[in-house]
Amino acid sequence: LARYRDAAGPTDDPEGVLATACEQTETIV
């Protein structure tokens, strides 16, 4: 997920779907 987030960039993820997914998954890990 972090690879996708870094490849897309914040402007390509305006709703923060990838950023939120990364945060949730990393917290559970």
PDB file of all heavy atoms in Angstrom:
ATOM      1  N   LEU A   1       0.832  -1.207   0.000  1.00  0.00           N
ATOM      2  CA  LEU A   1       0.000   0.000   0.000  1.00  0.00           C
ATOM      3  C   LEU A   1       0.866   1.256   0.000  1.00  0.00           C
ATOM      4  O   LEU A   1       0.549   2.252  -0.666  1.00  0.00           O
ATOM      5  CB  LEU A   1      -0.928   0.003   1.221  1.00  0.00           C
ATOM      6  CG  LEU A   1      -2.120  -0.946   1.162  1.00  0.00           C
ATOM      7  CD1 LEU A   1      -2.768  -1.074   2.534  1.00  0.00           C
ATOM      8  CD2 LEU A   1      -3.151  -0.456   0.141  1.00  0.00           C
ATOM      9  N   ALA A   2       1.957   1.217   0.731  1.00  0.00           N
ATOM     10  CA  ALA A   2       2.859   2.365   0.767  1.00  0.00           C
ATOM     11  C   ALA A   2       3.478   2.613  -0.605  1.00  0.00           C
ATOM     12  O   ALA A   2       3.692   3.765  -1.006  1.00  0.00           O
ATOM     13  CB  ALA A   2       3.949   2.147   1.808  1.00  0.00           C
ATOM     14  N   ARG A   3       3.774   1.532  -1.347  1.00  0.00           N
ATOM     15  CA  ARG A   3       4.288   1.692  -2.716  1.00  0.00           C
ATOM     16  C   ARG A   3       3.275   2.428  -3.584  1.00  0.00           C
ATOM     17  O   ARG A   3       3.625   3.335  -4.338  1.00  0.00           O
ATOM     18  CB  ARG A   3       4.605   0.322  -3.337  1.00  0.00           C
ATOM     19  CG  ARG A   3       5.907  -0.308  -2.883  1.00  0.00           C
ATOM     20  CD  ARG A   3       6.101  -1.671  -3.516  1.00  0.00           C
ATOM     21  NE  ARG A   3       6.182  -1.577  -4.972  1.00  0.00           N
ATOM     22  CZ  ARG A   3       7.302  -1.322  -5.647  1.00  0.00           C
ATOM     23  NH1 ARG A   3       8.421  -1.113  -4.989  1.00  0.00           N
ATOM     24  NH2 ARG A   3       7.302  -1.268  -6.965  1.00  0.00           N
ATOM     25  N   TYR A   4       2.018   2.033  -3.480  1.00  0.00           N
ATOM     26  CA  TYR A   4       0.975   2.684  -4.276  1.00  0.00           C
ATOM     27  C   TYR A   4       0.828   4.150  -3.867  1.00  0.00           C
ATOM     28  O   TYR A   4       0.692   5.036  -4.709  1.00  0.00           O
ATOM     29  CB  TYR A   4      -0.361   1.970  -4.099  1.00  0.00           C
ATOM     30  CG  TYR A   4      -0.368   0.517  -4.501  1.00  0.00           C
ATOM     31  CD1 TYR A   4      -1.222  -0.389  -3.895  1.00  0.00           C
ATOM     32  CD2 TYR A   4       0.484   0.042  -5.500  1.00  0.00           C
ATOM     33  CE1 TYR A   4      -1.234  -1.729  -4.263  1.00  0.00           C
ATOM     34  CE2 TYR A   4       0.483  -1.288  -5.869  1.00  0.00           C
ATOM     35  CZ  TYR A   4      -0.385  -2.176  -5.241  1.00  0.00           C
ATOM     36  OH  TYR A   4      -0.391  -3.498  -5.608  1.00  0.00           O
ATOM     37  N   ARG A   5       0.835   4.382  -2.555  1.00  0.00           N
ATOM     38  CA  ARG A   5       0.684   5.756  -2.052  1.00  0.00           C
ATOM     39  C   ARG A   5       1.817   6.643  -2.553  1.00  0.00           C
ATOM     40  O   ARG A   5       1.585   7.766  -3.021  1.00  0.00           O
ATOM     41  CB  ARG A   5       0.665   5.736  -0.529  1.00  0.00           C
ATOM     42  CG  ARG A   5       0.562   7.124   0.130  1.00  0.00           C
ATOM     43  CD  ARG A   5       1.007   7.040   1.573  1.00  0.00           C
ATOM     44  NE  ARG A   5       2.397   6.596   1.679  1.00  0.00           N
ATOM     45  CZ  ARG A   5       2.942   6.085   2.765  1.00  0.00           C
ATOM     46  NH1 ARG A   5       2.224   5.923   3.857  1.00  0.00           N
ATOM     47  NH2 ARG A   5       4.216   5.712   2.773  1.00  0.00           N
ATOM     48  N   ASP A   6       3.048   6.135  -2.478  1.00  0.00           N
ATOM     49  CA  ASP A   6       4.196   6.931  -2.901  1.00  0.00           C
ATOM     50  C   ASP A   6       4.199   7.143  -4.410  1.00  0.00           C
ATOM     51  O   ASP A   6       4.623   8.200  -4.903  1.00  0.00           O
ATOM     52  CB  ASP A   6       5.494   6.258  -2.459  1.00  0.00           C
ATOM     53  CG  ASP A   6       5.626   6.183  -0.945  1.00  0.00           C
ATOM     54  OD1 ASP A   6       4.907   6.934  -0.258  1.00  0.00           O
ATOM     55  OD2 ASP A   6       6.432   5.360  -0.462  1.00  0.00           O
ATOM     56  N   ALA A   7       3.739   6.128  -5.167  1.00  0.00           N
ATOM     57  CA  ALA A   7       3.703   6.249  -6.622  1.00  0.00           C
ATOM     58  C   ALA A   7       2.613   7.219  -7.063  1.00  0.00           C
ATOM     59  O   ALA A   7       2.783   7.987  -8.015  1.00  0.00           O
ATOM     60  CB  ALA A   7       3.473   4.885  -7.263  1.00  0.00           C
ATOM     61  N   ALA A   8       1.476   7.189  -6.359  1.00  0.00           N
ATOM     62  CA  ALA A   8       0.348   8.033  -6.748  1.00  0.00           C
ATOM     63  C   ALA A   8       0.564   9.483  -6.336  1.00  0.00           C
ATOM     64  O   ALA A   8       0.302  10.411  -7.105  1.00  0.00           O
ATOM     65  CB  ALA A   8      -0.939   7.498  -6.125  1.00  0.00           C
ATOM     66  N   GLY A   9       1.034   9.707  -5.131  1.00  0.00           N
ATOM     67  CA  GLY A   9       1.194  11.072  -4.638  1.00  0.00           C
ATOM     68  C   GLY A   9      -0.109  11.604  -4.072  1.00  0.00           C
ATOM     69  O   GLY A   9      -1.196  11.116  -4.403  1.00  0.00           O
ATOM     70  N   PRO A  10      -0.059  12.622  -3.214  1.00  0.00           N
ATOM     71  CA  PRO A  10      -1.258  13.133  -2.549  1.00  0.00           C
ATOM     72  C   PRO A  10      -2.291  13.708  -3.503  1.00  0.00           C
ATOM     73  O   PRO A  10      -3.489  13.610  -3.269  1.00  0.00           O
ATOM     74  CB  PRO A  10      -0.713  14.204  -1.597  1.00  0.00           C
ATOM     75  CG  PRO A  10       0.631  14.566  -2.147  1.00  0.00           C
ATOM     76  CD  PRO A  10       1.160  13.324  -2.790  1.00  0.00           C
ATOM     77  N   THR A  11      -1.840  14.310  -4.616  1.00  0.00           N
ATOM     78  CA  THR A  11      -2.812  14.910  -5.544  1.00  0.00           C
ATOM     79  C   THR A  11      -3.604  13.855  -6.305  1.00  0.00           C
ATOM     80  O   THR A  11      -4.685  14.149  -6.827  1.00  0.00           O
ATOM     81  CB  THR A  11      -2.087  15.825  -6.552  1.00  0.00           C
ATOM     82  OG1 THR A  11      -1.101  15.044  -7.264  1.00  0.00           O
ATOM     83  CG2 THR A  11      -1.399  16.974  -5.830  1.00  0.00           C
ATOM     84  N   ASP A  12      -3.076  12.630  -6.383  1.00  0.00           N
ATOM     85  CA  ASP A  12      -3.789  11.548  -7.069  1.00  0.00           C
ATOM     86  C   ASP A  12      -4.665  10.747  -6.116  1.00  0.00           C
ATOM     87  O   ASP A  12      -5.334   9.807  -6.532  1.00  0.00           O
ATOM     88  CB  ASP A  12      -2.785  10.599  -7.740  1.00  0.00           C
ATOM     89  CG  ASP A  12      -1.940  11.310  -8.791  1.00  0.00           C
ATOM     90  OD1 ASP A  12      -2.531  12.090  -9.569  1.00  0.00           O
ATOM     91  OD2 ASP A  12      -0.725  11.097  -8.817  1.00  0.00           O
ATOM     92  N   ASP A  13      -4.642  11.106  -4.845  1.00  0.00           N
ATOM     93  CA  ASP A  13      -5.452  10.413  -3.838  1.00  0.00           C
ATOM     94  C   ASP A  13      -6.177  11.461  -3.002  1.00  0.00           C
ATOM     95  O   ASP A  13      -5.972  11.569  -1.793  1.00  0.00           O
ATOM     96  CB  ASP A  13      -4.539   9.537  -2.963  1.00  0.00           C
ATOM     97  CG  ASP A  13      -5.314   8.687  -1.955  1.00  0.00           C
ATOM     98  OD1 ASP A  13      -6.498   8.383  -2.217  1.00  0.00           O
ATOM     99  OD2 ASP A  13      -4.735   8.349  -0.899  1.00  0.00           O
ATOM    100  N   PRO A  14      -7.033  12.268  -3.660  1.00  0.00           N
ATOM    101  CA  PRO A  14      -7.633  13.413  -2.960  1.00  0.00           C
ATOM    102  C   PRO A  14      -8.491  13.022  -1.776  1.00  0.00           C
ATOM    103  O   PRO A  14      -8.608  13.784  -0.807  1.00  0.00           O
ATOM    104  CB  PRO A  14      -8.465  14.090  -4.062  1.00  0.00           C
ATOM    105  CG  PRO A  14      -8.715  13.022  -5.069  1.00  0.00           C
ATOM    106  CD  PRO A  14      -7.490  12.168  -5.050  1.00  0.00           C
ATOM    107  N   GLU A  15      -9.104  11.841  -1.814  1.00  0.00           N
ATOM    108  CA  GLU A  15      -9.946  11.411  -0.703  1.00  0.00           C
ATOM    109  C   GLU A  15      -9.151  10.695   0.384  1.00  0.00           C
ATOM    110  O   GLU A  15      -9.716  10.293   1.407  1.00  0.00           O
ATOM    111  CB  GLU A  15     -11.062  10.498  -1.219  1.00  0.00           C
ATOM    112  CG  GLU A  15     -12.008  11.210  -2.193  1.00  0.00           C
ATOM    113  CD  GLU A  15     -13.094  10.285  -2.704  1.00  0.00           C
ATOM    114  OE1 GLU A  15     -13.138   9.118  -2.247  1.00  0.00           O
ATOM    115  OE2 GLU A  15     -13.901  10.708  -3.541  1.00  0.00           O
ATOM    116  N   GLY A  16      -7.873  10.523   0.145  1.00  0.00           N
ATOM    117  CA  GLY A  16      -7.012   9.920   1.159  1.00  0.00           C
ATOM    118  C   GLY A  16      -7.248   8.443   1.383  1.00  0.00           C
ATOM    119  O   GLY A  16      -6.949   7.919   2.461  1.00  0.00           O
ATOM    120  N   VAL A  17      -7.771   7.749   0.370  1.00  0.00           N
ATOM    121  CA  VAL A  17      -8.070   6.327   0.536  1.00  0.00           C
ATOM    122  C   VAL A  17      -6.799   5.536   0.814  1.00  0.00           C
ATOM    123  O   VAL A  17      -6.732   4.727   1.753  1.00  0.00           O
ATOM    124  CB  VAL A  17      -8.780   5.780  -0.730  1.00  0.00           C
ATOM    125  CG1 VAL A  17      -8.963   4.264  -0.611  1.00  0.00           C
ATOM    126  CG2 VAL A  17     -10.115   6.458  -0.924  1.00  0.00           C
ATOM    127  N   LEU A  18      -5.753   5.774   0.008  1.00  0.00           N
ATOM    128  CA  LEU A  18      -4.505   5.038   0.198  1.00  0.00           C
ATOM    129  C   LEU A  18      -3.826   5.427   1.503  1.00  0.00           C
ATOM    130  O   LEU A  18      -3.315   4.573   2.224  1.00  0.00           O
ATOM    131  CB  LEU A  18      -3.565   5.302  -0.977  1.00  0.00           C
ATOM    132  CG  LEU A  18      -3.897   4.581  -2.278  1.00  0.00           C
ATOM    133  CD1 LEU A  18      -3.003   5.082  -3.404  1.00  0.00           C
ATOM    134  CD2 LEU A  18      -3.743   3.079  -2.119  1.00  0.00           C
ATOM    135  N   ALA A  19      -3.809   6.720   1.800  1.00  0.00           N
ATOM    136  CA  ALA A  19      -3.165   7.173   3.038  1.00  0.00           C
ATOM    137  C   ALA A  19      -3.834   6.563   4.256  1.00  0.00           C
ATOM    138  O   ALA A  19      -3.164   6.102   5.195  1.00  0.00           O
ATOM    139  CB  ALA A  19      -3.202   8.703   3.114  1.00  0.00           C
ATOM    140  N   THR A  20      -5.181   6.522   4.240  1.00  0.00           N
ATOM    141  CA  THR A  20      -5.920   5.941   5.367  1.00  0.00           C
ATOM    142  C   THR A  20      -5.658   4.452   5.462  1.00  0.00           C
ATOM    143  O   THR A  20      -5.458   3.904   6.565  1.00  0.00           O
ATOM    144  CB  THR A  20      -7.426   6.191   5.203  1.00  0.00           C
ATOM    145  OG1 THR A  20      -7.660   7.601   5.171  1.00  0.00           O
ATOM    146  CG2 THR A  20      -8.205   5.578   6.351  1.00  0.00           C
ATOM    147  N   ALA A  21      -5.652   3.763   4.323  1.00  0.00           N
ATOM    148  CA  ALA A  21      -5.396   2.324   4.321  1.00  0.00           C
ATOM    149  C   ALA A  21      -4.011   2.018   4.872  1.00  0.00           C
ATOM    150  O   ALA A  21      -3.829   1.061   5.648  1.00  0.00           O
ATOM    151  CB  ALA A  21      -5.540   1.771   2.908  1.00  0.00           C
ATOM    152  N   CYS A  22      -3.017   2.821   4.474  1.00  0.00           N
ATOM    153  CA  CYS A  22      -1.655   2.626   4.989  1.00  0.00           C
ATOM    154  C   CYS A  22      -1.620   2.792   6.504  1.00  0.00           C
ATOM    155  O   CYS A  22      -1.038   1.973   7.226  1.00  0.00           O
ATOM    156  CB  CYS A  22      -0.697   3.625   4.349  1.00  0.00           C
ATOM    157  SG  CYS A  22      -0.278   3.276   2.640  1.00  0.00           S
ATOM    158  N   GLU A  23      -2.254   3.843   6.995  1.00  0.00           N
ATOM    159  CA  GLU A  23      -2.236   4.121   8.428  1.00  0.00           C
ATOM    160  C   GLU A  23      -2.927   3.005   9.210  1.00  0.00           C
ATOM    161  O   GLU A  23      -2.411   2.547  10.245  1.00  0.00           O
ATOM    162  CB  GLU A  23      -2.922   5.455   8.699  1.00  0.00           C
ATOM    163  CG  GLU A  23      -2.900   5.877  10.162  1.00  0.00           C
ATOM    164  CD  GLU A  23      -3.568   7.217  10.391  1.00  0.00           C
ATOM    165  OE1 GLU A  23      -3.892   7.909   9.409  1.00  0.00           O
ATOM    166  OE2 GLU A  23      -3.759   7.573  11.569  1.00  0.00           O
ATOM    167  N   GLN A  24      -4.098   2.561   8.727  1.00  0.00           N
ATOM    168  CA  GLN A  24      -4.830   1.506   9.424  1.00  0.00           C
ATOM    169  C   GLN A  24      -3.999   0.219   9.477  1.00  0.00           C
ATOM    170  O   GLN A  24      -3.873  -0.414  10.537  1.00  0.00           O
ATOM    171  CB  GLN A  24      -6.162   1.236   8.726  1.00  0.00           C
ATOM    172  CG  GLN A  24      -7.194   2.328   8.891  1.00  0.00           C
ATOM    173  CD  GLN A  24      -8.451   2.041   8.095  1.00  0.00           C
ATOM    174  OE1 GLN A  24      -8.439   1.255   7.141  1.00  0.00           O
ATOM    175  NE2 GLN A  24      -9.548   2.680   8.481  1.00  0.00           N
ATOM    176  N   THR A  25      -3.446  -0.159   8.330  1.00  0.00           N
ATOM    177  CA  THR A  25      -2.708  -1.426   8.263  1.00  0.00           C
ATOM    178  C   THR A  25      -1.447  -1.371   9.111  1.00  0.00           C
ATOM    179  O   THR A  25      -1.129  -2.333   9.837  1.00  0.00           O
ATOM    180  CB  THR A  25      -2.354  -1.754   6.807  1.00  0.00           C
ATOM    181  OG1 THR A  25      -3.511  -1.626   5.996  1.00  0.00           O
ATOM    182  CG2 THR A  25      -1.834  -3.179   6.684  1.00  0.00           C
ATOM    183  N   GLU A  26      -0.721  -0.279   9.038  1.00  0.00           N
ATOM    184  CA  GLU A  26       0.505  -0.154   9.834  1.00  0.00           C
ATOM    185  C   GLU A  26       0.196  -0.162  11.325  1.00  0.00           C
ATOM    186  O   GLU A  26       0.975  -0.715  12.124  1.00  0.00           O
ATOM    187  CB  GLU A  26       1.243   1.123   9.436  1.00  0.00           C
ATOM    188  CG  GLU A  26       1.857   1.062   8.040  1.00  0.00           C
ATOM    189  CD  GLU A  26       2.325   2.419   7.549  1.00  0.00           C
ATOM    190  OE1 GLU A  26       2.118   3.413   8.282  1.00  0.00           O
ATOM    191  OE2 GLU A  26       2.887   2.496   6.434  1.00  0.00           O
ATOM    192  N   THR A  27      -0.938   0.424  11.722  1.00  0.00           N
ATOM    193  CA  THR A  27      -1.324   0.431  13.139  1.00  0.00           C
ATOM    194  C   THR A  27      -1.615  -0.986  13.627  1.00  0.00           C
ATOM    195  O   THR A  27      -1.190  -1.389  14.716  1.00  0.00           O
ATOM    196  CB  THR A  27      -2.572   1.318  13.348  1.00  0.00           C
ATOM    197  OG1 THR A  27      -2.245   2.660  12.977  1.00  0.00           O
ATOM    198  CG2 THR A  27      -3.018   1.289  14.798  1.00  0.00           C
ATOM    199  N   ILE A  28      -2.330  -1.753  12.805  1.00  0.00           N
ATOM    200  CA  ILE A  28      -2.654  -3.134  13.193  1.00  0.00           C
ATOM    201  C   ILE A  28      -1.394  -3.980  13.250  1.00  0.00           C
ATOM    202  O   ILE A  28      -1.216  -4.800  14.160  1.00  0.00           O
ATOM    203  CB  ILE A  28      -3.679  -3.730  12.211  1.00  0.00           C
ATOM    204  CG1 ILE A  28      -5.005  -2.971  12.318  1.00  0.00           C
ATOM    205  CG2 ILE A  28      -3.895  -5.215  12.491  1.00  0.00           C
ATOM    206  CD1 ILE A  28      -6.025  -3.366  11.277  1.00  0.00           C
ATOM    207  N   VAL A  29      -0.487  -3.792  12.289  1.00  0.00           N
ATOM    208  CA  VAL A  29       0.767  -4.548  12.278  1.00  0.00           C
ATOM    209  C   VAL A  29       1.566  -4.273  13.550  1.00  0.00           C
ATOM    210  O   VAL A  29       2.072  -5.195  14.208  1.00  0.00           O
ATOM    211  CB  VAL A  29       1.600  -4.190  11.029  1.00  0.00           C
ATOM    212  CG1 VAL A  29       3.020  -4.742  11.160  1.00  0.00           C
ATOM    213  CG2 VAL A  29       0.943  -4.747   9.777  1.00  0.00           C
TER     214      VAL A  29
END
